[in-house]
Amino acid sequence: MELQIINQQEVLGKNFTIYGTLEDPLFLAKDVADWIEHSKSSVMIDTVDDDEKLRETIFTSGQNREMWFLTENGLYEVLMQSRKPIAKQFKKQVKQILKSIRKHGMYAVDDLLDNPDMAIAAFQKLKEEREERKRLEVVNTQLQLELQEAQKQARYLDLIIESKGALRVTQIAADYGMSANKFNKTLLEFGVQHKVNGQWILYKKHMGKGYTDSHTFDYQDKNGHTRANVTTTWTQKGRLFLYELLKDNGILPLIEQDDVA
């Protein structure tokens, strides 16, 4: 679950964001390092105890990322260790902000309380920021779903590309969880092929495109006589054609169906 932002503002000229909850506020270690002008946040993190830091996921730079956070005690520890003059000022400001938020549900400076127009503008900006964050979260979720679908599609297309030889319809039908008979009838319904003298033949508009091959094989009938039969096989190009056609009609191979592991 993505970490929530409970307060965001500018403090001492720096972007100040509080994550988590009022009971357990968290502070992005990268931001803290920037506040106190620490060159490496990873080194700073090593100076606090394990129970004063943790990794959480936030939405940043257009994607969800796992980042290091400091607890309230961890933040105070880092600020106390810092020799930068601004660290002491930040500690004072942080305590004041947290005290106000816990008491009133928000942080309000005197100027904001004394100026209704400023308060309205501040609330409007907060509303817009939250709406934008929600919009980006929706976009990110949609992009993740599209990526998952693209990855599933790529897996089946890889199988087609890796298979250089022509395949019988039985093998292709199995990819869709169908029998050869049902698969052939499905292609008939979509105007791909029809049956002529016991063999499935492409309709004229699909002929000459390299979709299929015909193979003759001998067999013995029930009387022991040798007979010849012609069967249609699908080329790599033909399988790609079938994939796009069936997908456009809502039929996906098993590997792309959500209910198939």
Protein backbone atom coordinates (compact mmCIF):
# COMPACT_ATOMS: atom_id res chain seq x y z
CA MET A 1 0.00 0.00 0.00
CA GLU A 2 1.32 3.43 -0.92
CA LEU A 3 2.37 5.70 1.94
CA GLN A 4 0.05 8.67 2.52
CA ILE A 5 1.08 12.33 2.72
CA ILE A 6 -0.38 14.09 5.79
CA ASN A 7 1.27 17.50 5.35
CA GLN A 8 3.24 19.30 2.67
CA GLN A 9 4.62 22.84 2.76
CA GLU A 10 7.76 24.95 2.60
CA VAL A 11 9.89 25.25 5.73
CA LEU A 12 13.01 27.42 5.88
CA GLY A 13 13.08 27.51 2.10
CA LYS A 14 12.94 23.71 1.79
CA ASN A 15 10.17 21.41 0.61
CA PHE A 16 8.80 19.75 3.75
CA THR A 17 6.58 16.67 3.53
CA ILE A 18 5.25 14.50 6.34
CA TYR A 19 4.17 10.95 5.45
CA GLY A 20 2.42 8.19 7.38
CA THR A 21 -0.02 9.06 10.17
CA LEU A 22 -0.28 11.67 12.93
CA GLU A 23 0.60 8.98 15.46
CA ASP A 24 3.58 7.70 13.47
CA PRO A 25 4.84 10.41 11.11
CA LEU A 26 7.60 9.52 8.67
CA PHE A 27 10.12 11.67 6.84
CA LEU A 28 11.80 10.84 3.55
CA ALA A 29 15.49 10.33 4.33
CA LYS A 30 16.50 11.87 1.01
CA ASP A 31 14.62 15.07 1.93
CA VAL A 32 16.13 15.17 5.41
CA ALA A 33 19.63 14.89 3.94
CA ASP A 34 18.81 17.83 1.68
CA TRP A 35 17.51 19.90 4.61
CA ILE A 36 20.73 19.57 6.60
CA GLU A 37 22.97 19.57 3.51
CA HIS A 38 24.21 16.03 4.12
CA SER A 39 26.07 14.76 1.06
CA LYS A 40 24.92 11.12 1.32
CA SER A 41 21.56 10.05 2.71
CA SER A 42 22.76 6.42 2.89
CA VAL A 43 25.54 7.40 5.31
CA MET A 44 23.09 9.48 7.34
CA ILE A 45 20.68 6.54 7.60
CA ASP A 46 23.42 4.33 9.07
CA THR A 47 23.73 6.68 12.05
CA VAL A 48 20.28 5.85 13.44
CA ASP A 49 19.00 2.67 15.09
CA ASP A 50 17.04 0.07 13.11
CA ASP A 51 13.78 0.95 14.88
CA GLU A 52 14.18 4.58 13.79
CA LYS A 53 14.19 3.89 10.04
CA LEU A 54 12.24 1.78 7.56
CA ARG A 55 11.61 1.31 3.85
CA GLU A 56 8.23 2.27 2.41
CA THR A 57 6.76 2.72 -1.07
CA ILE A 58 5.78 6.14 -2.43
CA PHE A 59 4.73 7.44 -5.84
CA THR A 60 7.54 9.60 -7.23
CA SER A 61 8.95 10.45 -10.66
CA GLY A 62 5.98 8.76 -12.33
CA GLN A 63 6.30 5.40 -10.60
CA ASN A 64 6.12 3.60 -7.26
CA ARG A 65 9.50 3.39 -5.54
CA GLU A 66 10.71 1.90 -2.28
CA MET A 67 12.58 4.56 -0.28
CA TRP A 68 14.21 4.99 3.12
CA PHE A 69 12.21 6.88 5.77
CA LEU A 70 13.03 8.13 9.24
CA THR A 71 10.63 7.94 12.16
CA GLU A 72 10.03 11.02 14.30
CA ASN A 73 12.72 9.87 16.75
CA GLY A 74 15.05 9.04 13.87
CA LEU A 75 14.57 12.54 12.47
CA TYR A 76 15.35 14.19 15.80
CA GLU A 77 18.42 11.98 16.18
CA VAL A 78 19.76 13.00 12.77
CA LEU A 79 19.05 16.69 13.38
CA MET A 80 20.73 16.51 16.78
CA GLN A 81 23.85 14.89 15.28
CA SER A 82 24.13 17.50 12.54
CA ARG A 83 26.49 20.43 13.06
CA LYS A 84 24.66 22.57 10.51
CA PRO A 85 22.96 25.63 12.08
CA ILE A 86 19.81 24.95 10.04
CA ALA A 87 19.36 21.55 11.73
CA LYS A 88 18.44 23.15 15.06
CA GLN A 89 15.97 25.48 13.33
CA PHE A 90 14.40 22.57 11.48
CA LYS A 91 13.97 20.58 14.67
CA LYS A 92 12.13 23.49 16.27
CA GLN A 93 9.90 23.96 13.21
CA VAL A 94 9.11 20.25 12.93
CA LYS A 95 8.04 20.02 16.56
CA GLN A 96 5.85 23.10 16.15
CA ILE A 97 4.23 21.76 12.98
CA LEU A 98 3.56 18.30 14.43
CA LYS A 99 2.10 19.82 17.61
CA SER A 100 -0.27 22.00 15.57
CA ILE A 101 -1.33 19.17 13.25
CA ARG A 102 -2.03 16.81 16.14
CA LYS A 103 -4.08 19.47 17.89
CA HIS A 104 -5.97 21.04 14.98
CA GLY A 105 -5.65 18.45 12.19
CA MET A 106 -3.56 20.92 10.17
CA TYR A 107 -0.67 23.35 10.53
CA ALA A 108 -1.67 26.99 10.40
CA VAL A 109 0.69 29.92 10.85
CA ASP A 110 -0.58 33.22 12.28
CA ASP A 111 -0.71 34.87 8.83
CA LEU A 112 -2.99 32.11 7.60
CA LEU A 113 -5.30 32.36 10.59
CA ASP A 114 -5.51 36.16 10.38
CA ASN A 115 -6.07 36.34 6.61
CA PRO A 116 -9.23 34.55 5.32
CA ASP A 117 -8.24 35.10 1.67
CA MET A 118 -4.87 33.51 2.29
CA ALA A 119 -6.54 30.60 4.07
CA ILE A 120 -8.94 30.04 1.16
CA ALA A 121 -6.04 30.13 -1.31
CA ALA A 122 -4.06 27.69 0.82
CA PHE A 123 -6.97 25.25 1.03
CA GLN A 124 -7.56 25.55 -2.72
CA LYS A 125 -3.91 24.80 -3.43
CA LEU A 126 -4.03 21.80 -1.07
CA LYS A 127 -7.18 20.55 -2.80
CA GLU A 128 -5.56 20.90 -6.24
CA GLU A 129 -2.41 19.11 -5.10
CA ARG A 130 -4.41 16.20 -3.69
CA GLU A 131 -6.52 15.96 -6.85
CA GLU A 132 -3.37 15.96 -8.99
CA ARG A 133 -1.81 13.28 -6.81
CA LYS A 134 -4.93 11.13 -7.15
CA ARG A 135 -4.92 11.67 -10.92
CA LEU A 136 -1.29 10.58 -11.14
CA GLU A 137 -2.06 7.52 -9.01
CA VAL A 138 -4.85 6.55 -11.43
CA VAL A 139 -2.54 7.09 -14.41
CA ASN A 140 0.17 5.01 -12.76
CA THR A 141 -2.27 2.18 -12.04
CA GLN A 142 -3.47 2.23 -15.65
CA LEU A 143 0.10 2.18 -16.96
CA GLN A 144 0.91 -0.79 -14.74
CA LEU A 145 -2.13 -2.68 -16.07
CA GLU A 146 -1.16 -1.87 -19.65
CA LEU A 147 2.38 -3.05 -18.95
CA GLN A 148 1.09 -6.33 -17.53
CA GLU A 149 -1.09 -6.87 -20.60
CA ALA A 150 1.83 -6.05 -22.91
CA GLN A 151 4.06 -8.51 -21.06
CA LYS A 152 1.47 -11.28 -21.36
CA GLN A 153 1.03 -10.53 -25.06
CA ALA A 154 4.79 -10.53 -25.58
CA ARG A 155 5.09 -14.01 -24.06
CA TYR A 156 2.71 -15.56 -26.59
CA LEU A 157 4.18 -13.63 -29.50
CA ASP A 158 7.61 -14.89 -28.42
CA LEU A 159 6.30 -18.44 -28.62
CA ILE A 160 5.08 -17.82 -32.16
CA ILE A 161 8.35 -16.23 -33.23
CA GLU A 162 10.41 -19.05 -31.68
CA SER A 163 8.37 -21.65 -33.57
CA LYS A 164 9.68 -21.38 -37.14
CA GLY A 165 7.89 -24.38 -38.64
CA ALA A 166 4.26 -24.69 -39.71
CA LEU A 167 1.84 -26.10 -37.13
CA ARG A 168 -1.31 -28.15 -37.41
CA VAL A 169 -4.51 -26.53 -36.24
CA THR A 170 -4.67 -29.00 -33.32
CA GLN A 171 -1.55 -27.43 -31.82
CA ILE A 172 -2.77 -23.86 -32.28
CA ALA A 173 -6.23 -24.70 -30.95
CA ALA A 174 -4.63 -26.06 -27.77
CA ASP A 175 -3.09 -22.63 -27.13
CA TYR A 176 -6.65 -21.29 -26.90
CA GLY A 177 -8.05 -24.19 -24.88
CA MET A 178 -10.13 -25.41 -27.84
CA SER A 179 -10.45 -28.60 -29.81
CA ALA A 180 -9.34 -28.53 -33.44
CA ASN A 181 -12.97 -28.90 -34.55
CA LYS A 182 -14.16 -25.92 -32.48
CA PHE A 183 -11.18 -23.81 -33.56
CA ASN A 184 -11.82 -24.52 -37.25
CA LYS A 185 -15.48 -23.62 -36.85
CA THR A 186 -14.49 -20.39 -35.11
CA LEU A 187 -12.31 -19.46 -38.09
CA LEU A 188 -15.23 -20.33 -40.37
CA GLU A 189 -17.48 -17.93 -38.42
CA PHE A 190 -14.92 -15.15 -38.82
CA GLY A 191 -14.74 -15.67 -42.58
CA VAL A 192 -11.20 -17.05 -42.61
CA GLN A 193 -11.74 -20.48 -44.14
CA HIS A 194 -14.26 -23.00 -45.39
CA LYS A 195 -14.23 -26.73 -46.02
CA VAL A 196 -13.72 -28.13 -49.53
CA ASN A 197 -13.61 -31.91 -50.13
CA GLY A 198 -12.73 -32.53 -46.49
CA GLN A 199 -9.94 -29.92 -46.32
CA TRP A 200 -10.10 -26.50 -44.72
CA ILE A 201 -9.26 -23.89 -47.36
CA LEU A 202 -8.76 -20.16 -46.92
CA TYR A 203 -11.28 -17.83 -48.45
CA LYS A 204 -9.95 -16.02 -51.52
CA LYS A 205 -9.23 -12.74 -49.72
CA HIS A 206 -6.75 -14.53 -47.43
CA MET A 207 -5.07 -16.67 -50.09
CA GLY A 208 -1.57 -15.95 -51.35
CA LYS A 209 -0.46 -14.21 -48.16
CA GLY A 210 1.70 -17.01 -46.83
CA TYR A 211 -0.65 -17.89 -43.98
CA THR A 212 -0.91 -21.63 -44.68
CA ASP A 213 0.77 -24.62 -46.31
CA SER A 214 -0.76 -27.83 -47.60
CA HIS A 215 0.83 -31.18 -46.82
CA THR A 216 -0.02 -34.56 -48.30
CA PHE A 217 0.34 -37.68 -46.18
CA ASP A 218 -0.43 -41.34 -46.79
CA TYR A 219 -2.59 -43.49 -44.54
CA GLN A 220 -4.30 -46.88 -44.65
CA ASP A 221 -8.05 -47.11 -44.67
CA LYS A 222 -10.04 -49.74 -42.78
CA ASN A 223 -9.65 -52.13 -45.71
CA GLY A 224 -5.88 -51.83 -45.68
CA HIS A 225 -5.67 -49.74 -48.81
CA THR A 226 -3.17 -46.88 -49.00
CA ARG A 227 -4.80 -43.52 -49.35
CA ALA A 228 -3.54 -39.94 -49.64
CA ASN A 229 -4.90 -37.04 -47.64
CA VAL A 230 -4.15 -33.33 -47.73
CA THR A 231 -4.04 -31.27 -44.53
CA THR A 232 -3.61 -27.54 -43.96
CA THR A 233 -0.91 -26.23 -41.62
CA TRP A 234 -0.41 -22.69 -40.39
CA THR A 235 2.85 -20.81 -40.92
CA GLN A 236 4.42 -18.39 -38.47
CA LYS A 237 2.90 -15.50 -40.45
CA GLY A 238 -0.48 -17.22 -40.38
CA ARG A 239 -0.34 -17.71 -36.62
CA LEU A 240 0.37 -14.00 -36.14
CA PHE A 241 -2.61 -13.23 -38.37
CA LEU A 242 -4.85 -15.55 -36.32
CA TYR A 243 -3.62 -14.04 -33.08
CA GLU A 244 -4.52 -10.48 -34.13
CA LEU A 245 -7.86 -11.56 -35.62
CA LEU A 246 -8.93 -13.52 -32.55
CA LYS A 247 -7.71 -10.83 -30.14
CA ASP A 248 -9.80 -8.23 -32.01
CA ASN A 249 -12.80 -10.48 -31.43
CA GLY A 250 -12.14 -10.96 -27.72
CA ILE A 251 -10.51 -14.38 -27.93
CA LEU A 252 -7.13 -14.65 -26.20
CA PRO A 253 -4.67 -17.54 -25.86
CA LEU A 254 -4.60 -19.19 -22.44
CA ILE A 255 -1.28 -17.57 -21.58
CA GLU A 256 -2.93 -14.13 -21.77
CA GLN A 257 -6.11 -14.97 -19.90
CA ASP A 258 -6.27 -13.57 -16.36
CA ASP A 259 -7.80 -16.70 -14.88
CA VAL A 260 -4.99 -18.95 -16.11
CA ALA A 261 -1.81 -19.18 -14.06
